[in-house]
Amino acid sequence: MTEFILHDIPNGWKTAIMVVAMIAVFYFFLIKPQSDKAKKEAAYRNSLKNGDRVMTAGGIHVTFVSSDGAMATVELAPGYRIKVQLATLQPIPEQKGN
């Protein structure tokens, strides 16, 4: 039955429908999930407050102190503070039961 429906559509329209379908697939499987993830990460970074335990992209567990634009001040140990890019901070992954 579908071959009759597609048979009645001119070739130019078939191509246009396929292009639109490909764009929709790329959007819903690649672009939208990536933008949702970026929004979720930005919301997490904006919700950080003094004393939160976080992890840098390098895997170092630190305590969040403050942020100033794109930079964040974190504390490695009492009295040892460094500045890192805010975008490198992420939540500490949960430990699985041993």
N, C-alpha and C. Protein backbone atom coordinates (compact mmCIF):
# COMPACT_ATOMS: atom_id res chain seq x y z
N MET A 1 0.83 -1.19 0.00
CA MET A 1 0.00 0.00 0.00
C MET A 1 0.87 1.25 0.00
N THR A 2 1.96 1.26 0.76
CA THR A 2 2.80 2.46 0.82
C THR A 2 3.46 2.74 -0.52
N GLU A 3 3.72 1.71 -1.30
CA GLU A 3 4.35 1.97 -2.60
C GLU A 3 3.41 2.73 -3.52
N PHE A 4 2.11 2.57 -3.36
CA PHE A 4 1.16 3.33 -4.16
C PHE A 4 1.15 4.80 -3.74
N ILE A 5 1.25 5.03 -2.44
CA ILE A 5 1.26 6.41 -1.96
C ILE A 5 2.52 7.11 -2.42
N LEU A 6 3.67 6.46 -2.27
CA LEU A 6 4.93 7.06 -2.71
C LEU A 6 5.01 7.16 -4.23
N HIS A 7 4.34 6.27 -4.92
CA HIS A 7 4.37 6.29 -6.37
C HIS A 7 3.66 7.53 -6.92
N ASP A 8 2.66 8.01 -6.21
CA ASP A 8 1.89 9.16 -6.67
C ASP A 8 2.59 10.50 -6.40
N ILE A 9 3.62 10.51 -5.55
CA ILE A 9 4.32 11.76 -5.21
C ILE A 9 5.42 12.01 -6.25
N PRO A 10 5.50 13.25 -6.77
CA PRO A 10 6.56 13.57 -7.73
C PRO A 10 7.95 13.42 -7.09
N ASN A 11 8.96 13.16 -7.91
CA ASN A 11 10.32 12.92 -7.42
C ASN A 11 10.88 14.08 -6.61
N GLY A 12 10.63 15.29 -7.00
CA GLY A 12 11.11 16.46 -6.27
C GLY A 12 10.59 16.50 -4.85
N TRP A 13 9.33 16.15 -4.68
CA TRP A 13 8.73 16.13 -3.35
C TRP A 13 9.28 15.00 -2.50
N LYS A 14 9.56 13.85 -3.13
CA LYS A 14 10.14 12.73 -2.39
C LYS A 14 11.48 13.15 -1.79
N THR A 15 12.29 13.82 -2.57
CA THR A 15 13.60 14.28 -2.10
C THR A 15 13.43 15.29 -0.97
N ALA A 16 12.51 16.22 -1.12
CA ALA A 16 12.27 17.22 -0.08
C ALA A 16 11.80 16.57 1.21
N ILE A 17 10.94 15.58 1.12
CA ILE A 17 10.45 14.87 2.30
C ILE A 17 11.59 14.14 2.99
N MET A 18 12.46 13.51 2.23
CA MET A 18 13.60 12.79 2.81
C MET A 18 14.57 13.75 3.49
N VAL A 19 14.81 14.91 2.91
CA VAL A 19 15.71 15.90 3.52
C VAL A 19 15.12 16.39 4.84
N VAL A 20 13.84 16.70 4.85
CA VAL A 20 13.18 17.15 6.08
C VAL A 20 13.23 16.05 7.14
N ALA A 21 13.00 14.82 6.73
CA ALA A 21 13.05 13.69 7.67
C ALA A 21 14.46 13.53 8.25
N MET A 22 15.48 13.68 7.43
CA MET A 22 16.87 13.56 7.92
C MET A 22 17.20 14.68 8.90
N ILE A 23 16.76 15.89 8.61
CA ILE A 23 16.99 17.01 9.52
C ILE A 23 16.30 16.76 10.85
N ALA A 24 15.07 16.24 10.81
CA ALA A 24 14.33 15.94 12.03
C ALA A 24 15.05 14.87 12.85
N VAL A 25 15.57 13.85 12.19
CA VAL A 25 16.30 12.79 12.89
C VAL A 25 17.55 13.37 13.55
N PHE A 26 18.33 14.17 12.83
CA PHE A 26 19.53 14.79 13.40
C PHE A 26 19.17 15.68 14.59
N TYR A 27 18.10 16.42 14.47
CA TYR A 27 17.71 17.31 15.56
C TYR A 27 17.34 16.52 16.81
N PHE A 28 16.46 15.54 16.67
CA PHE A 28 15.95 14.84 17.84
C PHE A 28 16.93 13.83 18.44
N PHE A 29 17.89 13.34 17.66
CA PHE A 29 18.84 12.36 18.19
C PHE A 29 20.21 12.93 18.49
N LEU A 30 20.57 14.08 17.93
CA LEU A 30 21.90 14.64 18.16
C LEU A 30 21.87 16.03 18.80
N ILE A 31 21.17 16.95 18.21
CA ILE A 31 21.23 18.35 18.65
C ILE A 31 20.46 18.57 19.95
N LYS A 32 19.23 18.12 20.03
CA LYS A 32 18.40 18.36 21.23
C LYS A 32 18.99 17.72 22.48
N PRO A 33 19.41 16.45 22.44
CA PRO A 33 20.00 15.88 23.66
C PRO A 33 21.26 16.62 24.11
N GLN A 34 22.08 17.08 23.17
CA GLN A 34 23.29 17.81 23.54
C GLN A 34 22.95 19.15 24.18
N SER A 35 21.97 19.85 23.64
CA SER A 35 21.60 21.14 24.23
C SER A 35 20.94 20.95 25.59
N ASP A 36 20.15 19.89 25.76
CA ASP A 36 19.55 19.60 27.07
C ASP A 36 20.63 19.30 28.10
N LYS A 37 21.65 18.55 27.71
CA LYS A 37 22.76 18.24 28.61
C LYS A 37 23.51 19.51 29.00
N ALA A 38 23.76 20.39 28.04
CA ALA A 38 24.47 21.65 28.31
C ALA A 38 23.66 22.52 29.27
N LYS A 39 22.35 22.58 29.10
CA LYS A 39 21.49 23.37 30.00
C LYS A 39 21.52 22.80 31.41
N LYS A 40 21.49 21.47 31.52
CA LYS A 40 21.51 20.81 32.82
C LYS A 40 22.84 21.09 33.54
N GLU A 41 23.96 21.02 32.80
CA GLU A 41 25.27 21.30 33.39
C GLU A 41 25.38 22.76 33.82
N ALA A 42 24.87 23.68 33.01
CA ALA A 42 24.91 25.10 33.37
C ALA A 42 24.07 25.36 34.62
N ALA A 43 22.92 24.73 34.72
CA ALA A 43 22.08 24.89 35.91
C ALA A 43 22.80 24.37 37.14
N TYR A 44 23.51 23.25 37.01
CA TYR A 44 24.26 22.70 38.14
C TYR A 44 25.34 23.68 38.59
N ARG A 45 26.08 24.21 37.64
CA ARG A 45 27.18 25.13 37.99
C ARG A 45 26.65 26.43 38.62
N ASN A 46 25.50 26.89 38.16
CA ASN A 46 24.91 28.10 38.73
C ASN A 46 24.35 27.86 40.13
N SER A 47 24.06 26.60 40.46
CA SER A 47 23.49 26.30 41.78
C SER A 47 24.56 26.01 42.83
N LEU A 48 25.83 25.99 42.44
CA LEU A 48 26.90 25.72 43.41
C LEU A 48 26.95 26.81 44.47
N LYS A 49 27.19 26.39 45.71
CA LYS A 49 27.32 27.35 46.80
C LYS A 49 28.55 26.99 47.64
N ASN A 50 28.97 27.91 48.46
CA ASN A 50 30.16 27.74 49.28
C ASN A 50 30.04 26.46 50.12
N GLY A 51 31.07 25.62 50.06
CA GLY A 51 31.10 24.40 50.84
C GLY A 51 30.70 23.14 50.09
N ASP A 52 30.18 23.28 48.87
CA ASP A 52 29.79 22.10 48.09
C ASP A 52 31.03 21.32 47.66
N ARG A 53 30.97 20.00 47.75
CA ARG A 53 32.05 19.14 47.28
C ARG A 53 31.82 18.86 45.80
N VAL A 54 32.83 19.12 44.99
CA VAL A 54 32.75 18.92 43.55
C VAL A 54 34.03 18.23 43.07
N MET A 55 34.05 17.91 41.79
CA MET A 55 35.22 17.29 41.18
C MET A 55 35.61 18.10 39.95
N THR A 56 36.90 18.29 39.75
CA THR A 56 37.36 18.98 38.55
C THR A 56 37.39 17.98 37.40
N ALA A 57 37.57 18.48 36.19
CA ALA A 57 37.63 17.60 35.02
C ALA A 57 38.82 16.64 35.12
N GLY A 58 39.83 17.02 35.88
CA GLY A 58 40.99 16.15 36.08
C GLY A 58 40.78 15.09 37.14
N GLY A 59 39.63 15.09 37.80
CA GLY A 59 39.32 14.07 38.79
C GLY A 59 39.70 14.43 40.21
N ILE A 60 40.09 15.68 40.46
CA ILE A 60 40.47 16.10 41.80
C ILE A 60 39.22 16.52 42.56
N HIS A 61 39.02 15.96 43.74
CA HIS A 61 37.87 16.30 44.58
C HIS A 61 38.24 17.54 45.39
N VAL A 62 37.42 18.58 45.27
CA VAL A 62 37.68 19.86 45.91
C VAL A 62 36.41 20.39 46.56
N THR A 63 36.57 21.47 47.32
CA THR A 63 35.42 22.15 47.91
C THR A 63 35.24 23.48 47.20
N PHE A 64 34.03 23.73 46.71
CA PHE A 64 33.72 24.97 46.02
C PHE A 64 33.69 26.12 47.02
N VAL A 65 34.36 27.24 46.67
CA VAL A 65 34.38 28.41 47.54
C VAL A 65 33.55 29.54 46.94
N SER A 66 33.87 29.93 45.69
CA SER A 66 33.14 31.03 45.06
C SER A 66 33.39 31.00 43.55
N SER A 67 32.61 31.81 42.84
CA SER A 67 32.83 31.94 41.40
C SER A 67 32.83 33.41 41.02
N ASP A 68 33.59 33.71 39.99
CA ASP A 68 33.70 35.07 39.48
C ASP A 68 33.68 34.97 37.96
N GLY A 69 32.51 35.05 37.38
CA GLY A 69 32.39 34.91 35.93
C GLY A 69 32.66 33.47 35.51
N ALA A 70 33.66 33.27 34.65
CA ALA A 70 34.00 31.94 34.15
C ALA A 70 34.98 31.21 35.06
N MET A 71 35.48 31.89 36.08
CA MET A 71 36.46 31.29 36.99
C MET A 71 35.80 30.94 38.33
N ALA A 72 36.33 29.90 38.97
CA ALA A 72 35.83 29.49 40.28
C ALA A 72 37.03 29.31 41.21
N THR A 73 36.84 29.65 42.45
CA THR A 73 37.86 29.40 43.47
C THR A 73 37.44 28.15 44.21
N VAL A 74 38.37 27.19 44.30
CA VAL A 74 38.11 25.94 45.00
C VAL A 74 39.21 25.71 46.03
N GLU A 75 38.89 24.92 47.02
CA GLU A 75 39.84 24.65 48.09
C GLU A 75 40.23 23.18 48.05
N LEU A 76 41.55 22.94 47.88
CA LEU A 76 42.06 21.57 47.84
C LEU A 76 42.12 20.97 49.24
N ALA A 77 42.62 21.76 50.17
CA ALA A 77 42.74 21.39 51.58
C ALA A 77 42.61 22.70 52.35
N PRO A 78 42.38 22.64 53.65
CA PRO A 78 42.24 23.89 54.41
C PRO A 78 43.42 24.83 54.17
N GLY A 79 43.10 26.01 53.64
CA GLY A 79 44.13 27.02 53.39
C GLY A 79 44.76 26.96 52.01
N TYR A 80 44.46 25.96 51.19
CA TYR A 80 45.04 25.83 49.85
C TYR A 80 43.96 26.04 48.79
N ARG A 81 43.87 27.25 48.30
CA ARG A 81 42.85 27.61 47.31
C ARG A 81 43.49 27.84 45.96
N ILE A 82 42.79 27.42 44.92
CA ILE A 82 43.24 27.65 43.55
C ILE A 82 42.05 28.11 42.73
N LYS A 83 42.35 28.70 41.57
CA LYS A 83 41.31 29.11 40.64
C LYS A 83 41.29 28.13 39.47
N VAL A 84 40.09 27.74 39.10
CA VAL A 84 39.89 26.85 37.95
C VAL A 84 38.75 27.39 37.09
N GLN A 85 38.65 26.89 35.88
CA GLN A 85 37.52 27.25 35.03
C GLN A 85 36.25 26.66 35.63
N LEU A 86 35.22 27.46 35.73
CA LEU A 86 33.94 27.00 36.28
C LEU A 86 33.39 25.83 35.46
N ALA A 87 33.62 25.85 34.16
CA ALA A 87 33.09 24.80 33.28
C ALA A 87 33.71 23.44 33.55
N THR A 88 34.84 23.38 34.26
CA THR A 88 35.47 22.08 34.54
C THR A 88 34.90 21.40 35.76
N LEU A 89 34.07 22.09 36.52
CA LEU A 89 33.52 21.50 37.75
C LEU A 89 32.31 20.64 37.44
N GLN A 90 32.24 19.51 38.11
CA GLN A 90 31.14 18.57 37.91
C GLN A 90 30.84 17.87 39.22
N PRO A 91 29.66 17.26 39.33
CA PRO A 91 29.35 16.57 40.58
C PRO A 91 30.25 15.35 40.77
N ILE A 92 30.48 15.00 42.04
CA ILE A 92 31.26 13.81 42.34
C ILE A 92 30.38 12.60 42.05
N PRO A 93 30.88 11.65 41.26
CA PRO A 93 30.05 10.47 40.97
C PRO A 93 29.79 9.66 42.24
N GLU A 94 28.63 9.07 42.30
CA GLU A 94 28.28 8.26 43.46
C GLU A 94 29.09 6.97 43.45
N GLN A 95 29.54 6.56 44.63
CA GLN A 95 30.29 5.31 44.76
C GLN A 95 29.32 4.13 44.71
N LYS A 96 29.67 3.12 43.94
CA LYS A 96 28.87 1.90 43.92
C LYS A 96 29.30 1.02 45.08
N GLY A 97 28.37 0.25 45.59
CA GLY A 97 28.64 -0.62 46.74
C GLY A 97 29.80 -1.58 46.47
N ASN A 98 30.68 -1.72 47.44
CA ASN A 98 31.84 -2.62 47.28
C ASN A 98 31.49 -4.02 47.71
